Structures are given as C-alpha cells and as structure tokens.
Amino acid sequence: MLTKCTVASDELFQLFSSYPKGLPVEILINMYVQYDSVSVKKSCWKYMDTENRNQQIMSIQCLASFQQDNQLQKKLCQFLEYWDIKSKGWVISSMSMQKMGDLKPLLEKYADNENLKNIIIEALKNSPTQADNEYAQEL
C-alpha cells in the first residue's frame, strides 16, 4: 500500500473485506481509501454485487468516502430495500457520508429500530434537505 502499487487493489480489497469478527472495519476502510483512489473505486465497483456481504459493505463504505456519486446513491437505495436489518446500518451510514437528500421517506420505517435510530438521525442531519433536518430534530 505504501508504494501505491495499483495492481494490488483487488487483492487488498479481498484481504480487507475478509476481516475476522471483532476487527474494527472502519480502520480497514480508512486504510484502503488512502490507497490509489482510481484503483480503489475500480475494485469496489467490481465487488459491489457479489454474494459476499462483507465485500458489499466494504464497497459501499469505501465509495461513500469519496465525492458524491449518483450511481452509488441509487445502489444504496436498492440495498436499503433488500438487505437484512443487521446490515442496513452500513447502508444508512453510506447515505450519510454521501450527504444524500430526501431520506425521510426511505428511513422513517426504520426509525423505531433502536439499533438504527442514531445512524438514521445522523444521516438526516447530514442531508441538504430541510424536511430531513426537521425530521432528525423530531427523532
């Protein structure tokens, strides 16, 4: 990683996304996004639609770390609909990082879930939409 060897991006992605339980995923993501950004983005999109949830989480979190991306935001909306409730927090966190707007209609059905409530509030606060900001205050 220190040499920015772009040909190792896929291998690093696979290594970082196969983390053992209990390892702080955020640290791995932060390390990986500091690597060559073009290679990171390419690898993330390559693994976006795999069956491996860890790879999908790594993909969306890394891509969300970069500039706003309409294609990613559409994908996040899709993932929010069909990912299991335990994984939705990663999607909502990515939405927050992307500063997505008009989130209230998407997130209000999950607002009663205590495990998701704080990340939902954060996403609503990061939204450029006034209705989202007001809903964050209500919650």
Protein backbone atom coordinates (compact mmCIF):
# COMPACT_ATOMS: atom_id res chain seq x y z
CA MET A 1 0.00 0.00 0.00
CA LEU A 2 2.84 2.39 0.77
CA THR A 3 4.20 2.06 -2.75
CA LYS A 4 0.73 2.71 -4.24
CA CYS A 5 1.12 -0.39 -6.39
CA THR A 6 -2.16 -0.16 -8.28
CA VAL A 7 -2.14 -3.78 -9.44
CA ALA A 8 -2.66 -4.95 -5.84
CA SER A 9 -6.00 -3.21 -5.36
CA ASP A 10 -8.21 -6.28 -5.82
CA GLU A 11 -6.02 -8.38 -3.53
CA LEU A 12 -6.06 -5.70 -0.84
CA PHE A 13 -9.82 -5.38 -1.20
CA GLN A 14 -10.25 -9.12 -0.71
CA LEU A 15 -7.91 -9.14 2.28
CA PHE A 16 -9.61 -6.20 3.98
CA SER A 17 -13.12 -7.47 3.28
CA SER A 18 -12.38 -10.88 4.80
CA TYR A 19 -11.82 -9.41 8.24
CA PRO A 20 -12.41 -11.67 11.24
CA LYS A 21 -15.25 -10.90 13.61
CA GLY A 22 -14.41 -8.19 16.09
CA LEU A 23 -11.86 -6.41 13.92
CA PRO A 24 -12.64 -2.68 13.53
CA VAL A 25 -13.89 -2.48 9.97
CA GLU A 26 -13.70 1.32 9.97
CA ILE A 27 -9.92 1.19 10.35
CA LEU A 28 -9.55 -1.15 7.39
CA ILE A 29 -11.81 1.04 5.26
CA ASN A 30 -9.88 4.18 6.20
CA MET A 31 -6.60 2.48 5.31
CA TYR A 32 -7.89 1.25 1.98
CA VAL A 33 -9.38 4.55 0.78
CA GLN A 34 -5.98 6.21 1.28
CA TYR A 35 -4.58 3.86 -1.32
CA ASP A 36 -4.73 4.79 -5.03
CA SER A 37 -8.27 6.20 -5.39
CA VAL A 38 -8.77 5.17 -9.02
CA SER A 39 -7.83 1.57 -8.24
CA VAL A 40 -9.91 1.53 -5.06
CA LYS A 41 -13.01 2.72 -6.89
CA LYS A 42 -12.50 0.18 -9.66
CA SER A 43 -12.16 -2.66 -7.15
CA CYS A 44 -15.16 -1.52 -5.13
CA TRP A 45 -17.42 -1.46 -8.17
CA LYS A 46 -16.09 -4.85 -9.21
CA TYR A 47 -17.19 -6.41 -5.90
CA MET A 48 -20.38 -4.39 -5.37
CA ASP A 49 -22.79 -7.10 -6.48
CA THR A 50 -21.12 -10.19 -5.06
CA GLU A 51 -22.94 -12.57 -2.73
CA ASN A 52 -20.42 -11.72 -0.01
CA ARG A 53 -21.97 -9.13 2.33
CA ASN A 54 -18.57 -8.09 3.75
CA GLN A 55 -17.40 -7.23 0.25
CA GLN A 56 -20.56 -5.27 -0.42
CA ILE A 57 -20.18 -3.36 2.85
CA MET A 58 -16.55 -2.62 2.10
CA SER A 59 -17.55 -1.44 -1.39
CA ILE A 60 -20.27 0.97 -0.32
CA GLN A 61 -18.33 2.37 2.63
CA CYS A 62 -15.21 3.00 0.58
CA LEU A 63 -17.08 4.56 -2.33
CA ALA A 64 -19.13 6.71 0.03
CA SER A 65 -15.85 8.14 1.35
CA PHE A 66 -15.21 9.83 -1.98
CA GLN A 67 -17.22 12.57 -3.72
CA GLN A 68 -20.96 12.29 -4.18
CA ASP A 69 -21.85 9.67 -6.75
CA ASN A 70 -25.34 9.32 -8.24
CA GLN A 71 -24.73 5.74 -9.32
CA LEU A 72 -23.68 4.78 -5.78
CA GLN A 73 -26.65 6.60 -4.28
CA LYS A 74 -29.06 4.62 -6.48
CA LYS A 75 -27.34 1.42 -5.39
CA LEU A 76 -27.65 2.42 -1.73
CA CYS A 77 -31.40 2.90 -2.14
CA GLN A 78 -31.65 -0.59 -3.63
CA PHE A 79 -29.57 -2.13 -0.85
CA LEU A 80 -31.64 -0.40 1.81
CA GLU A 81 -34.70 -2.18 0.49
CA TYR A 82 -33.42 -5.74 0.39
CA TRP A 83 -30.52 -6.04 2.84
CA ASP A 84 -31.28 -7.66 6.17
CA ILE A 85 -31.94 -5.37 9.13
CA LYS A 86 -28.49 -6.11 10.66
CA SER A 87 -26.77 -4.71 7.55
CA LYS A 88 -28.99 -1.70 6.91
CA GLY A 89 -26.89 0.45 9.25
CA TRP A 90 -23.98 0.22 6.82
CA VAL A 91 -26.21 1.42 4.00
CA ILE A 92 -27.59 4.30 6.06
CA SER A 93 -24.08 5.24 7.14
CA SER A 94 -23.03 5.36 3.49
CA MET A 95 -26.06 7.52 2.67
CA SER A 96 -24.98 9.86 5.44
CA MET A 97 -21.41 10.01 4.12
CA GLN A 98 -22.78 10.85 0.66
CA LYS A 99 -24.95 13.60 2.19
CA MET A 100 -27.98 12.25 0.37
CA GLY A 101 -31.20 14.25 0.48
CA ASP A 102 -34.88 13.35 0.66
CA LEU A 103 -34.17 10.49 3.06
CA LYS A 104 -37.22 10.78 5.31
CA PRO A 105 -39.48 8.62 3.10
CA LEU A 106 -36.77 5.96 2.88
CA LEU A 107 -35.75 5.91 6.54
CA GLU A 108 -38.87 6.62 8.57
CA LYS A 109 -39.99 2.96 8.51
CA TYR A 110 -36.74 2.03 10.32
CA ALA A 111 -36.76 4.89 12.85
CA ASP A 112 -38.30 2.74 15.60
CA ASN A 113 -35.40 0.30 15.43
CA GLU A 114 -33.13 1.21 18.35
CA ASN A 115 -30.06 -0.22 16.60
CA LEU A 116 -30.58 2.08 13.61
CA LYS A 117 -32.02 5.20 15.22
CA ASN A 118 -28.73 7.05 15.86
CA ILE A 119 -27.35 6.45 12.38
CA ILE A 120 -30.70 7.48 10.88
CA ILE A 121 -30.60 10.73 12.82
CA GLU A 122 -27.03 11.35 11.65
CA ALA A 123 -27.98 10.71 8.00
CA LEU A 124 -30.94 13.07 8.30
CA LYS A 125 -28.74 15.77 9.85
CA ASN A 126 -26.21 15.40 7.01
CA SER A 127 -28.93 15.72 4.40
CA PRO A 128 -29.18 19.01 2.48
CA THR A 129 -32.99 18.71 2.64
CA GLN A 130 -34.82 20.81 5.22
CA ALA A 131 -37.54 18.18 5.72
CA ASP A 132 -34.86 15.62 6.60
CA ASN A 133 -33.22 18.02 9.06
CA GLU A 134 -36.56 18.71 10.73
CA TYR A 135 -37.33 15.00 10.97
CA ALA A 136 -33.92 14.46 12.62
CA GLN A 137 -34.95 17.00 15.27
CA GLU A 138 -38.24 15.17 15.83
CA LEU A 139 -36.45 11.88 16.38
